[in-house]
PDB file of N, CA and C in Angstrom:
ATOM      1  N   MET A   1     -77.361  11.031 -97.092  1.00  0.00           N
ATOM      2  CA  MET A   1     -78.700  10.846 -97.620  1.00  0.00           C
ATOM      3  C   MET A   1     -78.714   9.666 -98.591  1.00  0.00           C
ATOM      4  N   ILE A   2     -79.589   8.725 -98.373  1.00  0.00           N
ATOM      5  CA  ILE A   2     -79.741   7.568 -99.257  1.00  0.00           C
ATOM      6  C   ILE A   2     -80.701   7.961-100.377  1.00  0.00           C
ATOM      7  N   PRO A   3     -80.314   7.741-101.637  1.00  0.00           N
ATOM      8  CA  PRO A   3     -81.184   8.143-102.745  1.00  0.00           C
ATOM      9  C   PRO A   3     -82.441   7.279-102.830  1.00  0.00           C
ATOM     10  N   ASN A   4     -83.471   7.846-103.444  1.00  0.00           N
ATOM     11  CA  ASN A   4     -84.677   7.074-103.686  1.00  0.00           C
ATOM     12  C   ASN A   4     -84.464   6.185-104.925  1.00  0.00           C
ATOM     13  N   CYS A   5     -85.471   5.400-105.277  1.00  0.00           N
ATOM     14  CA  CYS A   5     -85.330   4.453-106.388  1.00  0.00           C
ATOM     15  C   CYS A   5     -85.078   5.159-107.720  1.00  0.00           C
ATOM     16  N   LYS A   6     -85.733   6.276-107.945  1.00  0.00           N
ATOM     17  CA  LYS A   6     -85.532   6.996-109.209  1.00  0.00           C
ATOM     18  C   LYS A   6     -84.091   7.475-109.327  1.00  0.00           C
ATOM     19  N   HIS A   7     -83.578   8.066-108.266  1.00  0.00           N
ATOM     20  CA  HIS A   7     -82.197   8.550-108.282  1.00  0.00           C
ATOM     21  C   HIS A   7     -81.215   7.378-108.399  1.00  0.00           C
ATOM     22  N   THR A   8     -81.522   6.284-107.762  1.00  0.00           N
ATOM     23  CA  THR A   8     -80.675   5.098-107.846  1.00  0.00           C
ATOM     24  C   THR A   8     -80.616   4.577-109.273  1.00  0.00           C
ATOM     25  N   ALA A   9     -81.755   4.526-109.954  1.00  0.00           N
ATOM     26  CA  ALA A   9     -81.775   4.090-111.356  1.00  0.00           C
ATOM     27  C   ALA A   9     -80.928   5.016-112.223  1.00  0.00           C
ATOM     28  N   GLU A  10     -80.992   6.317-111.948  1.00  0.00           N
ATOM     29  CA  GLU A  10     -80.171   7.275-112.687  1.00  0.00           C
ATOM     30  C   GLU A  10     -78.691   7.026-112.427  1.00  0.00           C
ATOM     31  N   LEU A  11     -78.323   6.794-111.169  1.00  0.00           N
ATOM     32  CA  LEU A  11     -76.919   6.522-110.845  1.00  0.00           C
ATOM     33  C   LEU A  11     -76.436   5.240-111.511  1.00  0.00           C
ATOM     34  N   LEU A  12     -77.274   4.207-111.511  1.00  0.00           N
ATOM     35  CA  LEU A  12     -76.891   2.957-112.157  1.00  0.00           C
ATOM     36  C   LEU A  12     -76.653   3.171-113.648  1.00  0.00           C
ATOM     37  N   SER A  13     -77.510   3.936-114.280  1.00  0.00           N
ATOM     38  CA  SER A  13     -77.348   4.223-115.710  1.00  0.00           C
ATOM     39  C   SER A  13     -76.116   5.084-115.966  1.00  0.00           C
ATOM     40  N   GLN A  14     -75.926   6.106-115.150  1.00  0.00           N
ATOM     41  CA  GLN A  14     -74.763   6.970-115.316  1.00  0.00           C
ATOM     42  C   GLN A  14     -73.466   6.207-115.085  1.00  0.00           C
ATOM     43  N   GLY A  15     -73.513   5.256-114.165  1.00  0.00           N
ATOM     44  CA  GLY A  15     -72.328   4.446-113.877  1.00  0.00           C
ATOM     45  C   GLY A  15     -71.884   3.601-115.053  1.00  0.00           C
ATOM     46  N   GLN A  16     -72.758   3.408-116.029  1.00  0.00           N
ATOM     47  CA  GLN A  16     -72.388   2.695-117.247  1.00  0.00           C
ATOM     48  C   GLN A  16     -71.540   3.582-118.158  1.00  0.00           C
ATOM     49  N   ASP A  17     -71.689   4.903-118.011  1.00  0.00           N
ATOM     50  CA  ASP A  17     -71.046   5.858-118.917  1.00  0.00           C
ATOM     51  C   ASP A  17     -69.875   6.616-118.309  1.00  0.00           C
ATOM     52  N   ARG A  18     -69.839   6.690-116.991  1.00  0.00           N
ATOM     53  CA  ARG A  18     -68.780   7.462-116.326  1.00  0.00           C
ATOM     54  C   ARG A  18     -68.516   6.869-114.947  1.00  0.00           C
ATOM     55  N   PRO A  19     -67.327   7.123-114.425  1.00  0.00           N
ATOM     56  CA  PRO A  19     -67.064   6.676-113.053  1.00  0.00           C
ATOM     57  C   PRO A  19     -67.898   7.504-112.071  1.00  0.00           C
ATOM     58  N   LEU A  20     -68.511   6.830-111.125  1.00  0.00           N
ATOM     59  CA  LEU A  20     -69.264   7.532-110.095  1.00  0.00           C
ATOM     60  C   LEU A  20     -68.304   8.060-109.040  1.00  0.00           C
ATOM     61  N   THR A  21     -68.678   9.168-108.428  1.00  0.00           N
ATOM     62  CA  THR A  21     -67.858   9.720-107.356  1.00  0.00           C
ATOM     63  C   THR A  21     -67.936   8.783-106.151  1.00  0.00           C
ATOM     64  N   PRO A  22     -66.995   8.878-105.238  1.00  0.00           N
ATOM     65  CA  PRO A  22     -67.076   8.041-104.027  1.00  0.00           C
ATOM     66  C   PRO A  22     -68.385   8.235-103.253  1.00  0.00           C
ATOM     67  N   VAL A  23     -68.878   9.454-103.189  1.00  0.00           N
ATOM     68  CA  VAL A  23     -70.141   9.708-102.486  1.00  0.00           C
ATOM     69  C   VAL A  23     -71.297   9.035-103.220  1.00  0.00           C
ATOM     70  N   GLU A  24     -71.312   9.138-104.542  1.00  0.00           N
ATOM     71  CA  GLU A  24     -72.358   8.477-105.331  1.00  0.00           C
ATOM     72  C   GLU A  24     -72.301   6.962-105.144  1.00  0.00           C
ATOM     73  N   GLN A  25     -71.096   6.415-105.149  1.00  0.00           N
ATOM     74  CA  GLN A  25     -70.940   4.968-104.955  1.00  0.00           C
ATOM     75  C   GLN A  25     -71.473   4.530-103.598  1.00  0.00           C
ATOM     76  N   LEU A  26     -71.166   5.289-102.572  1.00  0.00           N
ATOM     77  CA  LEU A  26     -71.632   4.960-101.224  1.00  0.00           C
ATOM     78  C   LEU A  26     -73.157   5.011-101.142  1.00  0.00           C
ATOM     79  N   ARG A  27     -73.739   6.072-101.665  1.00  0.00           N
ATOM     80  CA  ARG A  27     -75.195   6.201-101.644  1.00  0.00           C
ATOM     81  C   ARG A  27     -75.857   5.066-102.422  1.00  0.00           C
ATOM     82  N   LEU A  28     -75.275   4.741-103.555  1.00  0.00           N
ATOM     83  CA  LEU A  28     -75.806   3.657-104.374  1.00  0.00           C
ATOM     84  C   LEU A  28     -75.749   2.332-103.618  1.00  0.00           C
ATOM     85  N   ARG A  29     -74.616   2.040-103.023  1.00  0.00           N
ATOM     86  CA  ARG A  29     -74.469   0.785-102.275  1.00  0.00           C
ATOM     87  C   ARG A  29     -75.453   0.697-101.109  1.00  0.00           C
ATOM     88  N   LEU A  30     -75.614   1.807-100.400  1.00  0.00           N
ATOM     89  CA  LEU A  30     -76.556   1.811 -99.279  1.00  0.00           C
ATOM     90  C   LEU A  30     -77.977   1.526 -99.749  1.00  0.00           C
ATOM     91  N   HIS A  31     -78.378   2.163-100.840  1.00  0.00           N
ATOM     92  CA  HIS A  31     -79.727   1.935-101.340  1.00  0.00           C
ATOM     93  C   HIS A  31     -79.888   0.491-101.813  1.00  0.00           C
ATOM     94  N   LEU A  32     -78.880  -0.039-102.509  1.00  0.00           N
ATOM     95  CA  LEU A  32     -78.977  -1.411-103.021  1.00  0.00           C
ATOM     96  C   LEU A  32     -79.055  -2.430-101.883  1.00  0.00           C
ATOM     97  N   LEU A  33     -78.464  -2.117-100.741  1.00  0.00           N
ATOM     98  CA  LEU A  33     -78.571  -3.005 -99.587  1.00  0.00           C
ATOM     99  C   LEU A  33     -80.012  -3.105 -99.089  1.00  0.00           C
ATOM    100  N   LEU A  34     -80.773  -2.028 -99.282  1.00  0.00           N
ATOM    101  CA  LEU A  34     -82.121  -1.954 -98.731  1.00  0.00           C
ATOM    102  C   LEU A  34     -83.240  -2.264 -99.720  1.00  0.00           C
ATOM    103  N   CYS A  35     -82.953  -2.234-101.014  1.00  0.00           N
ATOM    104  CA  CYS A  35     -84.022  -2.273-102.006  1.00  0.00           C
ATOM    105  C   CYS A  35     -83.860  -3.446-102.978  1.00  0.00           C
ATOM    106  N   ASP A  36     -84.734  -4.432-102.864  1.00  0.00           N
ATOM    107  CA  ASP A  36     -84.703  -5.598-103.754  1.00  0.00           C
ATOM    108  C   ASP A  36     -84.936  -5.208-105.209  1.00  0.00           C
ATOM    109  N   GLY A  37     -85.864  -4.290-105.444  1.00  0.00           N
ATOM    110  CA  GLY A  37     -86.188  -3.889-106.814  1.00  0.00           C
ATOM    111  C   GLY A  37     -85.007  -3.259-107.527  1.00  0.00           C
ATOM    112  N   CYS A  38     -84.296  -2.396-106.842  1.00  0.00           N
ATOM    113  CA  CYS A  38     -83.134  -1.742-107.454  1.00  0.00           C
ATOM    114  C   CYS A  38     -81.970  -2.720-107.622  1.00  0.00           C
ATOM    115  N   ARG A  39     -81.813  -3.655-106.687  1.00  0.00           N
ATOM    116  CA  ARG A  39     -80.788  -4.690-106.854  1.00  0.00           C
ATOM    117  C   ARG A  39     -81.077  -5.501-108.111  1.00  0.00           C
ATOM    118  N   ASN A  40     -82.328  -5.843-108.311  1.00  0.00           N
ATOM    119  CA  ASN A  40     -82.720  -6.590-109.498  1.00  0.00           C
ATOM    120  C   ASN A  40     -82.455  -5.772-110.763  1.00  0.00           C
ATOM    121  N   PHE A  41     -82.808  -4.491-110.738  1.00  0.00           N
ATOM    122  CA  PHE A  41     -82.549  -3.617-111.872  1.00  0.00           C
ATOM    123  C   PHE A  41     -81.061  -3.550-112.177  1.00  0.00           C
ATOM    124  N   SER A  42     -80.241  -3.469-111.141  1.00  0.00           N
ATOM    125  CA  SER A  42     -78.784  -3.431-111.310  1.00  0.00           C
ATOM    126  C   SER A  42     -78.283  -4.712-111.976  1.00  0.00           C
ATOM    127  N   ARG A  43     -78.795  -5.848-111.549  1.00  0.00           N
ATOM    128  CA  ARG A  43     -78.410  -7.125-112.165  1.00  0.00           C
ATOM    129  C   ARG A  43     -78.845  -7.190-113.624  1.00  0.00           C
ATOM    130  N   GLN A  44     -80.025  -6.655-113.915  1.00  0.00           N
ATOM    131  CA  GLN A  44     -80.506  -6.651-115.297  1.00  0.00           C
ATOM    132  C   GLN A  44     -79.631  -5.776-116.182  1.00  0.00           C
ATOM    133  N   LEU A  45     -79.231  -4.615-115.695  1.00  0.00           N
ATOM    134  CA  LEU A  45     -78.336  -3.750-116.465  1.00  0.00           C
ATOM    135  C   LEU A  45     -77.012  -4.454-116.751  1.00  0.00           C
ATOM    136  N   GLU A  46     -76.471  -5.110-115.742  1.00  0.00           N
ATOM    137  CA  GLU A  46     -75.199  -5.823-115.910  1.00  0.00           C
ATOM    138  C   GLU A  46     -75.351  -6.959-116.917  1.00  0.00           C
ATOM    139  N   PHE A  47     -76.451  -7.699-116.865  1.00  0.00           N
ATOM    140  CA  PHE A  47     -76.702  -8.781-117.811  1.00  0.00           C
ATOM    141  C   PHE A  47     -76.766  -8.235-119.240  1.00  0.00           C
ATOM    142  N   MET A  48     -77.492  -7.132-119.436  1.00  0.00           N
ATOM    143  CA  MET A  48     -77.610  -6.549-120.777  1.00  0.00           C
ATOM    144  C   MET A  48     -76.257  -6.052-121.278  1.00  0.00           C
ATOM    145  N   ARG A  49     -75.472  -5.457-120.396  1.00  0.00           N
ATOM    146  CA  ARG A  49     -74.156  -4.961-120.799  1.00  0.00           C
ATOM    147  C   ARG A  49     -73.263  -6.106-121.257  1.00  0.00           C
ATOM    148  N   ARG A  50     -73.271  -7.215-120.494  1.00  0.00           N
ATOM    149  CA  ARG A  50     -72.465  -8.378-120.891  1.00  0.00           C
ATOM    150  C   ARG A  50     -72.967  -8.989-122.193  1.00  0.00           C
ATOM    151  N   ALA A  51     -74.285  -9.075-122.352  1.00  0.00           N
ATOM    152  CA  ALA A  51     -74.851  -9.652-123.575  1.00  0.00           C
ATOM    153  C   ALA A  51     -74.485  -8.807-124.790  1.00  0.00           C
ATOM    154  N   LEU A  52     -74.544  -7.496-124.654  1.00  0.00           N
ATOM    155  CA  LEU A  52     -74.184  -6.621-125.772  1.00  0.00           C
ATOM    156  C   LEU A  52     -72.707  -6.724-126.110  1.00  0.00           C
ATOM    157  N   ARG A  53     -71.861  -6.851-125.107  1.00  0.00           N
ATOM    158  CA  ARG A  53     -70.426  -7.029-125.370  1.00  0.00           C
ATOM    159  C   ARG A  53     -70.171  -8.333-126.130  1.00  0.00           C
ATOM    160  N   ARG A  54     -70.819  -9.403-125.690  1.00  0.00           N
ATOM    161  CA  ARG A  54     -70.650 -10.688-126.380  1.00  0.00           C
ATOM    162  C   ARG A  54     -71.131 -10.606-127.817  1.00  0.00           C
ATOM    163  N   TYR A  55     -72.244  -9.938-128.029  1.00  0.00           N
ATOM    164  CA  TYR A  55     -72.782  -9.785-129.376  1.00  0.00           C
ATOM    165  C   TYR A  55     -71.798  -8.990-130.234  1.00  0.00           C
ATOM    166  N   ARG A  56     -71.279  -7.896-129.678  1.00  0.00           N
ATOM    167  CA  ARG A  56     -70.334  -7.045-130.406  1.00  0.00           C
ATOM    168  C   ARG A  56     -69.054  -7.800-130.734  1.00  0.00           C
ATOM    169  N   ASP A  57     -68.576  -8.616-129.799  1.00  0.00           N
ATOM    170  CA  ASP A  57     -67.282  -9.290-129.943  1.00  0.00           C
ATOM    171  C   ASP A  57     -67.377 -10.674-130.587  1.00  0.00           C
ATOM    172  N   ARG A  58     -68.535 -11.081-131.034  1.00  0.00           N
ATOM    173  CA  ARG A  58     -68.711 -12.457-131.532  1.00  0.00           C
ATOM    174  C   ARG A  58     -67.962 -12.725-132.820  1.00  0.00           C
ATOM    175  N   ASP A  59     -67.646 -11.708-133.598  1.00  0.00           N
ATOM    176  CA  ASP A  59     -66.939 -11.941-134.878  1.00  0.00           C
ATOM    177  C   ASP A  59     -65.457 -11.992-134.731  1.00  0.00           C
TER     178      ASP A  59
END
C-alpha cells in the first residue's frame, strides 16, 4: 500500500527522529516517485535540517 500525502509527511518527519523500517522506507520511496508535492516537501525538510546544523555548528 502506497501512503497518501498526509502519511508521507508524517513518515518524512518521523524519519528525522528515528530510523524508518524497511517497509516504511519502501512506501515512502514509492510515494515520492509519484508525488511532486511530497518530493518538494522532502527537499525542504532536508534543507532546513542542514541549515540548522550549520547554524548550530557555526561557533
